[in-house]
């Protein structure tokens, strides 16, 4: 597995023409089960094939039961400088419902150790909208978490996935279906609590204070280019090898054994390549940008569509006019943003941003920088 990850990283970096990598994210499954030496090998390969600055964001998703302190320290020595811990809940009954093997005590112990090893660089998540979950107890969990968390927190609403045990239990009536009205109340109350604690809601599900935004995830929301490395990974980049100028959506082979065979044969395990037309790309720019608190600035839009401004495209739209009238959208000569209280300021405000937290963008004519997403969920 390790050698295949290294090979695919080298191949895709060469195909993309990337000269500088701004962030690396080890995610998918339980990457903290992989060995720190695998993480080190991938980072070394990225640095050799492109340039990985010393201050680049390198995030590892960690499960509380698979990441004791000594192991977290080893990942730090391997080059990881940020952790994303999947707490999900501080209620043991809810954790069992979600199929998690850790307890609330495990989660809090892991969080404390992570903050000691990676001060200011630890993210945690909390799930809302679970079957039978109530607003008051859930807000109590969030309050407890605010007493011991770092500067980044994500709130995710449960999605029932077909084929999972939880989906089946709800389908058969063993568990009540999640109540969307209660979930909406949790979300709104949670947003207010986080705002009072000094967090900026910079994206629909993500909150940060003290400037601790996720550089890697900001690349997604700003429609930057990124490479997907490993089984089932997704990427978006412009292949440069054949002189192409069209961005492609790429999906790597999902089955690990088949993926490794393909990497050994071809240097990568790309299963599917889908060229993105201009309209598809602009739809992604809109969909992703409207998830953020800055929306889509005209400057950002013109990186993808230099001929027509946002004003040209949307000012005559009846749908846009209706949403403007309802206060669901703001469109002016600076930007377009979604409503719902996600807009903290405009140009000149410390919260107004037109680029990612690293201030770096990719260039459609030849990428200067990109992110790498590396799914890891097993030992070598």
Protein backbone atom coordinates (compact mmCIF):
# COMPACT_ATOMS: atom_id res chain seq x y z
CA UNK A 1 0.00 0.00 0.00
CA UNK A 2 2.72 2.49 0.94
CA UNK A 3 4.66 2.13 -2.30
CA UNK A 4 1.44 2.46 -4.34
CA UNK A 5 0.45 5.66 -2.54
CA UNK A 6 3.89 7.10 -3.23
CA UNK A 7 3.77 6.04 -6.88
CA UNK A 8 0.30 7.48 -7.47
CA UNK A 9 1.22 10.74 -5.76
CA UNK A 10 4.26 11.09 -8.01
CA UNK A 11 2.28 10.24 -11.15
CA UNK A 12 -0.62 12.62 -10.51
CA UNK A 13 1.65 15.46 -9.46
CA UNK A 14 3.53 15.03 -12.73
CA UNK A 15 0.29 14.89 -14.75
CA UNK A 16 -1.09 17.99 -13.04
CA UNK A 17 2.01 20.09 -13.49
CA UNK A 18 1.68 21.28 -9.89
CA UNK A 19 4.79 23.04 -8.64
CA UNK A 20 3.68 23.82 -5.10
CA UNK A 21 1.35 21.99 -2.70
CA UNK A 22 -0.42 24.15 -0.12
CA UNK A 23 -2.06 21.40 1.93
CA UNK A 24 -2.28 17.64 2.38
CA UNK A 25 -5.24 15.91 4.00
CA UNK A 26 -5.05 12.28 5.12
CA UNK A 27 -8.68 11.18 5.37
CA UNK A 28 -11.17 8.49 4.47
CA UNK A 29 -12.04 5.63 6.82
CA UNK A 30 -9.69 5.72 9.79
CA UNK A 31 -6.34 7.01 8.53
CA UNK A 32 -4.89 7.05 12.04
CA UNK A 33 -4.72 3.24 11.72
CA UNK A 34 -2.07 3.65 9.03
CA UNK A 35 1.54 3.73 10.12
CA UNK A 36 3.28 7.09 10.64
CA UNK A 37 6.01 5.87 8.29
CA UNK A 38 3.44 5.67 5.46
CA UNK A 39 2.42 9.27 6.10
CA UNK A 40 6.09 10.32 6.13
CA UNK A 41 6.74 8.49 2.84
CA UNK A 42 3.81 10.19 1.09
CA UNK A 43 4.84 13.63 2.32
CA UNK A 44 8.41 13.05 1.18
CA UNK A 45 7.16 12.00 -2.25
CA UNK A 46 4.99 15.13 -2.51
CA UNK A 47 7.90 17.36 -1.52
CA UNK A 48 10.23 15.74 -4.03
CA UNK A 49 7.74 15.80 -6.93
CA UNK A 50 6.56 19.35 -6.23
CA UNK A 51 7.30 21.68 -3.34
CA UNK A 52 5.70 21.24 0.08
CA UNK A 53 6.57 24.34 2.12
CA UNK A 54 7.40 23.81 5.77
CA UNK A 55 4.31 25.78 6.80
CA UNK A 56 1.88 23.84 4.60
CA UNK A 57 -1.18 22.49 6.39
CA UNK A 58 -0.93 18.70 6.82
CA UNK A 59 -4.07 17.27 8.41
CA UNK A 60 -4.77 13.75 9.65
CA UNK A 61 -8.23 12.47 10.53
CA UNK A 62 -8.00 10.60 13.83
CA UNK A 63 -10.38 8.26 15.62
CA UNK A 64 -10.28 8.48 19.45
CA UNK A 65 -9.82 4.70 19.81
CA UNK A 66 -7.00 4.40 17.28
CA UNK A 67 -4.89 7.39 18.24
CA UNK A 68 -3.32 7.23 21.71
CA UNK A 69 -0.85 9.94 22.65
CA UNK A 70 2.30 8.12 21.56
CA UNK A 71 0.81 7.43 18.14
CA UNK A 72 -0.28 11.04 17.70
CA UNK A 73 3.24 12.16 18.58
CA UNK A 74 4.63 9.77 15.94
CA UNK A 75 2.34 11.30 13.31
CA UNK A 76 3.60 14.72 14.34
CA UNK A 77 7.18 13.56 13.83
CA UNK A 78 6.16 12.23 10.40
CA UNK A 79 5.03 15.69 9.29
CA UNK A 80 1.40 16.03 10.39
CA UNK A 81 0.72 19.45 11.93
CA UNK A 82 -3.07 19.45 12.26
CA UNK A 83 -5.59 16.88 13.55
CA UNK A 84 -9.27 16.40 12.80
CA UNK A 85 -10.79 14.24 15.53
CA UNK A 86 -14.05 12.40 14.87
CA UNK A 87 -15.72 12.82 18.25
CA UNK A 88 -19.27 12.92 16.78
CA UNK A 89 -20.96 12.82 20.20
CA UNK A 90 -20.27 13.11 23.91
CA UNK A 91 -23.12 10.72 24.75
CA UNK A 92 -22.18 7.03 25.01
CA UNK A 93 -25.64 5.86 23.90
CA UNK A 94 -25.44 8.02 20.78
CA UNK A 95 -21.94 6.76 20.03
CA UNK A 96 -23.17 3.18 20.18
CA UNK A 97 -26.05 4.12 17.90
CA UNK A 98 -23.54 5.50 15.39
CA UNK A 99 -21.50 2.31 15.58
CA UNK A 100 -18.52 4.01 17.19
CA UNK A 101 -16.30 1.98 19.49
CA UNK A 102 -15.01 4.87 21.58
CA UNK A 103 -16.68 6.40 24.61
CA UNK A 104 -17.19 10.05 25.48
CA UNK A 105 -14.36 9.71 28.00
CA UNK A 106 -12.06 8.32 25.28
CA UNK A 107 -12.95 11.25 23.05
CA UNK A 108 -12.19 13.88 25.67
CA UNK A 109 -8.90 12.20 26.62
CA UNK A 110 -7.82 12.07 22.96
CA UNK A 111 -8.79 15.72 22.51
CA UNK A 112 -6.75 16.78 25.53
CA UNK A 113 -3.69 14.86 24.30
CA UNK A 114 -4.11 16.22 20.78
CA UNK A 115 -4.25 19.80 22.03
CA UNK A 116 -1.08 19.23 24.04
CA UNK A 117 0.76 17.92 20.98
CA UNK A 118 -0.81 20.21 18.32
CA UNK A 119 -1.78 23.42 20.14
CA UNK A 120 -4.13 25.60 18.10
CA UNK A 121 -4.28 22.96 15.33
CA UNK A 122 -7.01 20.54 16.40
CA UNK A 123 -10.49 20.29 14.89
CA UNK A 124 -13.42 18.32 16.31
CA UNK A 125 -16.87 17.47 14.97
CA UNK A 126 -20.27 17.04 16.58
CA UNK A 127 -23.27 15.32 14.98
CA UNK A 128 -26.82 16.65 15.17
CA UNK A 129 -30.20 15.33 14.05
CA UNK A 130 -29.78 11.79 15.36
CA UNK A 131 -32.86 9.61 15.99
CA UNK A 132 -34.50 10.57 19.31
CA UNK A 133 -31.93 13.32 19.91
CA UNK A 134 -33.26 16.35 21.80
CA UNK A 135 -32.20 19.98 21.63
CA UNK A 136 -31.38 20.57 25.32
CA UNK A 137 -29.05 17.59 25.87
CA UNK A 138 -27.33 18.23 22.53
CA UNK A 139 -26.66 21.85 23.45
CA UNK A 140 -25.24 20.55 26.73
CA UNK A 141 -22.76 18.44 24.73
CA UNK A 142 -21.76 21.46 22.67
CA UNK A 143 -21.32 23.53 25.85
CA UNK A 144 -19.08 20.83 27.33
CA UNK A 145 -17.07 20.67 24.12
CA UNK A 146 -16.60 24.45 24.10
CA UNK A 147 -14.99 24.14 27.51
CA UNK A 148 -12.19 21.93 26.21
CA UNK A 149 -11.96 22.26 22.40
CA UNK A 150 -9.41 24.09 20.30
CA UNK A 151 -10.16 26.76 17.68
CA UNK A 152 -11.97 24.74 14.98
CA UNK A 153 -15.27 22.90 15.26
CA UNK A 154 -17.66 21.35 12.73
CA UNK A 155 -21.37 20.65 13.12
CA UNK A 156 -22.70 17.91 10.85
CA UNK A 157 -26.29 16.78 10.44
CA UNK A 158 -26.77 13.03 10.23
CA UNK A 159 -27.47 11.63 6.77
CA UNK A 160 -29.05 8.19 6.79
CA UNK A 161 -27.12 6.12 4.25
CA UNK A 162 -28.88 3.21 2.59
CA UNK A 163 -27.23 -0.08 3.52
CA UNK A 164 -26.17 1.00 7.00
CA UNK A 165 -27.53 -0.55 10.19
CA UNK A 166 -28.92 2.82 11.29
CA UNK A 167 -30.82 3.24 8.02
CA UNK A 168 -32.33 -0.23 8.40
CA UNK A 169 -33.38 0.41 12.02
CA UNK A 170 -35.18 3.61 11.02
CA UNK A 171 -36.71 1.97 7.95
CA UNK A 172 -38.15 -0.86 10.05
CA UNK A 173 -39.35 1.43 12.81
CA UNK A 174 -36.92 0.18 15.45
CA UNK A 175 -35.71 3.76 15.79
CA UNK A 176 -37.67 6.95 15.12
CA UNK A 177 -36.78 8.92 12.00
CA UNK A 178 -34.69 12.01 12.71
CA UNK A 179 -36.86 15.10 13.18
CA UNK A 180 -35.77 17.80 10.67
CA UNK A 181 -37.40 20.58 12.70
CA UNK A 182 -35.46 19.60 15.82
CA UNK A 183 -32.27 19.32 13.75
CA UNK A 184 -32.84 22.84 12.41
CA UNK A 185 -33.34 24.14 15.95
CA UNK A 186 -30.13 22.44 17.12
CA UNK A 187 -28.23 23.97 14.22
CA UNK A 188 -29.51 27.50 14.81
CA UNK A 189 -29.00 27.33 18.58
CA UNK A 190 -25.56 25.81 18.07
CA UNK A 191 -24.58 28.59 15.66
CA UNK A 192 -25.60 31.20 18.23
CA UNK A 193 -23.64 29.47 21.01
CA UNK A 194 -20.52 29.24 18.86
CA UNK A 195 -20.81 32.86 17.80
CA UNK A 196 -20.99 33.92 21.46
CA UNK A 197 -17.84 31.87 22.09
CA UNK A 198 -15.96 33.87 19.46
CA UNK A 199 -16.22 31.47 16.53
CA UNK A 200 -16.68 32.68 12.98
CA UNK A 201 -19.00 30.53 10.87
CA UNK A 202 -16.94 30.59 7.69
CA UNK A 203 -18.84 27.76 6.00
CA UNK A 204 -22.21 26.07 6.48
CA UNK A 205 -20.83 23.38 8.80
CA UNK A 206 -17.50 24.85 9.90
CA UNK A 207 -16.58 27.32 12.62
CA UNK A 208 -13.20 28.78 13.57
CA UNK A 209 -11.70 31.39 15.86
CA UNK A 210 -8.25 32.94 16.05
CA UNK A 211 -7.86 32.46 12.29
CA UNK A 212 -7.89 28.66 12.49
CA UNK A 213 -9.71 28.08 9.19
CA UNK A 214 -8.94 24.85 7.32
CA UNK A 215 -6.72 25.76 4.38
CA UNK A 216 -7.42 22.44 2.69
CA UNK A 217 -11.19 22.59 2.91
CA UNK A 218 -11.16 26.23 1.81
CA UNK A 219 -9.59 25.01 -1.43
CA UNK A 220 -12.68 22.88 -2.07
CA UNK A 221 -15.10 25.74 -1.39
CA UNK A 222 -13.12 28.10 -3.59
CA UNK A 223 -13.04 25.50 -6.39
CA UNK A 224 -9.27 25.22 -6.29
CA UNK A 225 -7.54 22.26 -7.85
CA UNK A 226 -6.71 19.21 -5.77
CA UNK A 227 -5.39 15.71 -6.35
CA UNK A 228 -7.08 12.60 -4.97
CA UNK A 229 -4.61 9.86 -4.08
CA UNK A 230 -5.53 6.38 -2.87
CA UNK A 231 -8.52 4.02 -3.17
CA UNK A 232 -11.80 5.83 -3.85
CA UNK A 233 -10.24 9.30 -3.77
CA UNK A 234 -11.74 12.16 -5.80
CA UNK A 235 -9.75 14.95 -7.44
CA UNK A 236 -10.25 18.04 -9.59
CA UNK A 237 -7.35 19.27 -11.72
CA UNK A 238 -6.22 20.20 -15.22
CA UNK A 239 -3.97 17.48 -16.72
CA UNK A 240 -0.95 19.22 -18.22
CA UNK A 241 0.88 16.29 -19.76
CA UNK A 242 -0.97 16.38 -23.09
CA UNK A 243 -1.23 20.15 -23.18
CA UNK A 244 -4.83 20.11 -21.93
CA UNK A 245 -6.64 23.13 -20.54
CA UNK A 246 -9.84 21.46 -19.33
CA UNK A 247 -10.34 20.62 -15.68
CA UNK A 248 -11.25 17.00 -15.00
CA UNK A 249 -13.16 15.35 -12.18
CA UNK A 250 -11.20 12.18 -11.37
CA UNK A 251 -12.24 9.19 -9.29
CA UNK A 252 -9.76 6.54 -8.21
CA UNK A 253 -10.66 2.83 -8.11
CA UNK A 254 -12.49 2.06 -4.88
CA UNK A 255 -11.41 -1.55 -4.18
CA UNK A 256 -7.91 -1.46 -2.58
CA UNK A 257 -6.66 -4.65 -4.24
CA UNK A 258 -7.76 -3.56 -7.71
CA UNK A 259 -6.46 -0.06 -7.11
CA UNK A 260 -2.99 -1.39 -6.20
CA UNK A 261 -2.90 -3.58 -9.33
CA UNK A 262 -3.74 -0.59 -11.50
CA UNK A 263 -1.11 1.59 -9.82
CA UNK A 264 1.53 -1.08 -10.41
CA UNK A 265 0.50 -1.36 -14.07
CA UNK A 266 -0.17 2.28 -14.99
CA UNK A 267 1.33 4.42 -12.22
CA UNK A 268 -2.12 5.48 -10.99
CA UNK A 269 -5.51 3.93 -10.27
CA UNK A 270 -7.80 6.46 -11.93
CA UNK A 271 -11.06 4.67 -12.70
CA UNK A 272 -13.02 7.56 -14.16
CA UNK A 273 -12.16 10.86 -15.82
CA UNK A 274 -14.90 13.40 -16.52
CA UNK A 275 -13.98 16.62 -18.35
CA UNK A 276 -15.83 19.56 -16.81
CA UNK A 277 -17.42 21.97 -19.28
CA UNK A 278 -17.47 25.69 -18.56
CA UNK A 279 -21.09 25.60 -17.37
CA UNK A 280 -20.40 22.66 -15.04
CA UNK A 281 -17.37 24.43 -13.60
CA UNK A 282 -19.33 27.64 -12.98
CA UNK A 283 -22.10 25.65 -11.31
CA UNK A 284 -19.48 24.25 -8.92
CA UNK A 285 -18.10 27.74 -8.28
CA UNK A 286 -21.61 28.89 -7.29
CA UNK A 287 -22.54 25.84 -5.25
CA UNK A 288 -19.29 25.83 -3.30
CA UNK A 289 -18.93 29.59 -2.90
CA UNK A 290 -22.44 30.04 -1.52
CA UNK A 291 -21.56 27.65 1.30
CA UNK A 292 -19.12 30.23 2.67
CA UNK A 293 -19.64 33.45 4.58
CA UNK A 294 -18.01 35.53 1.84
CA UNK A 295 -20.08 34.12 -0.99
CA UNK A 296 -18.60 34.69 -4.44
CA UNK A 297 -16.78 37.93 -5.11
CA UNK A 298 -16.66 39.33 -8.62
CA UNK A 299 -12.88 38.97 -8.48
CA UNK A 300 -13.17 35.28 -7.66
CA UNK A 301 -15.86 34.69 -10.32
CA UNK A 302 -13.72 36.31 -13.01
CA UNK A 303 -10.95 33.78 -12.43
CA UNK A 304 -13.34 31.24 -13.95
CA UNK A 305 -15.47 33.48 -16.21
CA UNK A 306 -13.57 36.59 -17.35
CA UNK A 307 -16.11 37.68 -19.98
CA UNK A 308 -19.36 37.92 -17.99
CA UNK A 309 -19.61 39.32 -14.47
CA UNK A 310 -21.93 38.02 -11.79
CA UNK A 311 -24.00 41.16 -12.34
CA UNK A 312 -24.30 40.40 -16.05
CA UNK A 313 -25.35 36.80 -15.47
CA UNK A 314 -27.79 37.14 -12.58
CA UNK A 315 -29.25 40.64 -12.31
CA UNK A 316 -32.14 39.87 -14.73
CA UNK A 317 -32.94 36.42 -13.30
CA UNK A 318 -36.48 36.15 -11.91
CA UNK A 319 -35.33 33.44 -9.48
CA UNK A 320 -32.53 35.65 -8.18
CA UNK A 321 -34.88 38.63 -7.87
CA UNK A 322 -37.29 36.51 -5.81
CA UNK A 323 -34.51 35.39 -3.46
CA UNK A 324 -33.21 38.94 -3.16
CA UNK A 325 -36.70 40.10 -2.17
CA UNK A 326 -36.88 37.38 0.51
CA UNK A 327 -33.50 38.28 1.92
CA UNK A 328 -32.08 34.90 0.96
CA UNK A 329 -29.46 36.35 -1.35
CA UNK A 330 -27.39 39.50 -1.63
CA UNK A 331 -26.12 40.59 -5.05
CA UNK A 332 -24.23 43.83 -5.46
CA UNK A 333 -21.31 45.03 -7.52
CA UNK A 334 -18.84 43.42 -5.10
CA UNK A 335 -20.17 39.90 -4.62
CA UNK A 336 -23.08 37.49 -4.31
CA UNK A 337 -23.68 35.84 -0.93
CA UNK A 338 -26.29 33.58 0.61
CA UNK A 339 -28.60 34.83 3.33
CA UNK A 340 -29.24 33.38 6.76
CA UNK A 341 -26.81 35.54 8.71
CA UNK A 342 -23.59 34.13 7.25
CA UNK A 343 -22.26 37.51 6.10
CA UNK A 344 -20.11 39.18 8.77
CA UNK A 345 -18.77 42.06 6.72
CA UNK A 346 -17.60 43.47 3.41
CA UNK A 347 -14.36 44.81 1.98
CA UNK A 348 -12.35 46.36 4.76
CA UNK A 349 -13.87 44.06 7.36
CA UNK A 350 -11.42 41.62 8.97
CA UNK A 351 -13.89 38.83 8.15
CA UNK A 352 -14.08 39.60 4.43
CA UNK A 353 -12.00 37.22 2.30
CA UNK A 354 -11.76 36.73 -1.44
CA UNK A 355 -9.12 33.99 -1.35
CA UNK A 356 -8.31 31.07 0.93
CA UNK A 357 -6.69 31.55 4.32
CA UNK A 358 -3.30 30.89 2.74
CA UNK A 359 -3.98 33.55 0.09
CA UNK A 360 -3.04 31.09 -2.66
CA UNK A 361 -4.94 30.18 -5.80
CA UNK A 362 -4.35 27.81 -8.69
CA UNK A 363 -4.03 28.96 -12.27
CA UNK A 364 -6.14 27.25 -14.93
CA UNK A 365 -3.36 27.78 -17.47
CA UNK A 366 -0.80 26.05 -15.30
CA UNK A 367 -1.37 25.23 -11.64
CA UNK A 368 0.98 26.83 -9.19
CA UNK A 369 -0.41 25.18 -6.10
CA UNK A 370 -2.92 22.53 -5.13
CA UNK A 371 -4.07 20.31 -2.31
CA UNK A 372 -3.69 16.56 -2.00
CA UNK A 373 -6.34 14.30 -0.47
CA UNK A 374 -5.00 10.91 0.61
CA UNK A 375 -7.46 8.29 1.89
CA UNK A 376 -5.78 6.01 4.44
CA UNK A 377 -7.67 3.47 6.48
CA UNK A 378 -5.41 0.49 7.11
CA UNK A 379 -1.91 -0.60 7.96
CA UNK A 380 0.63 -0.86 5.13
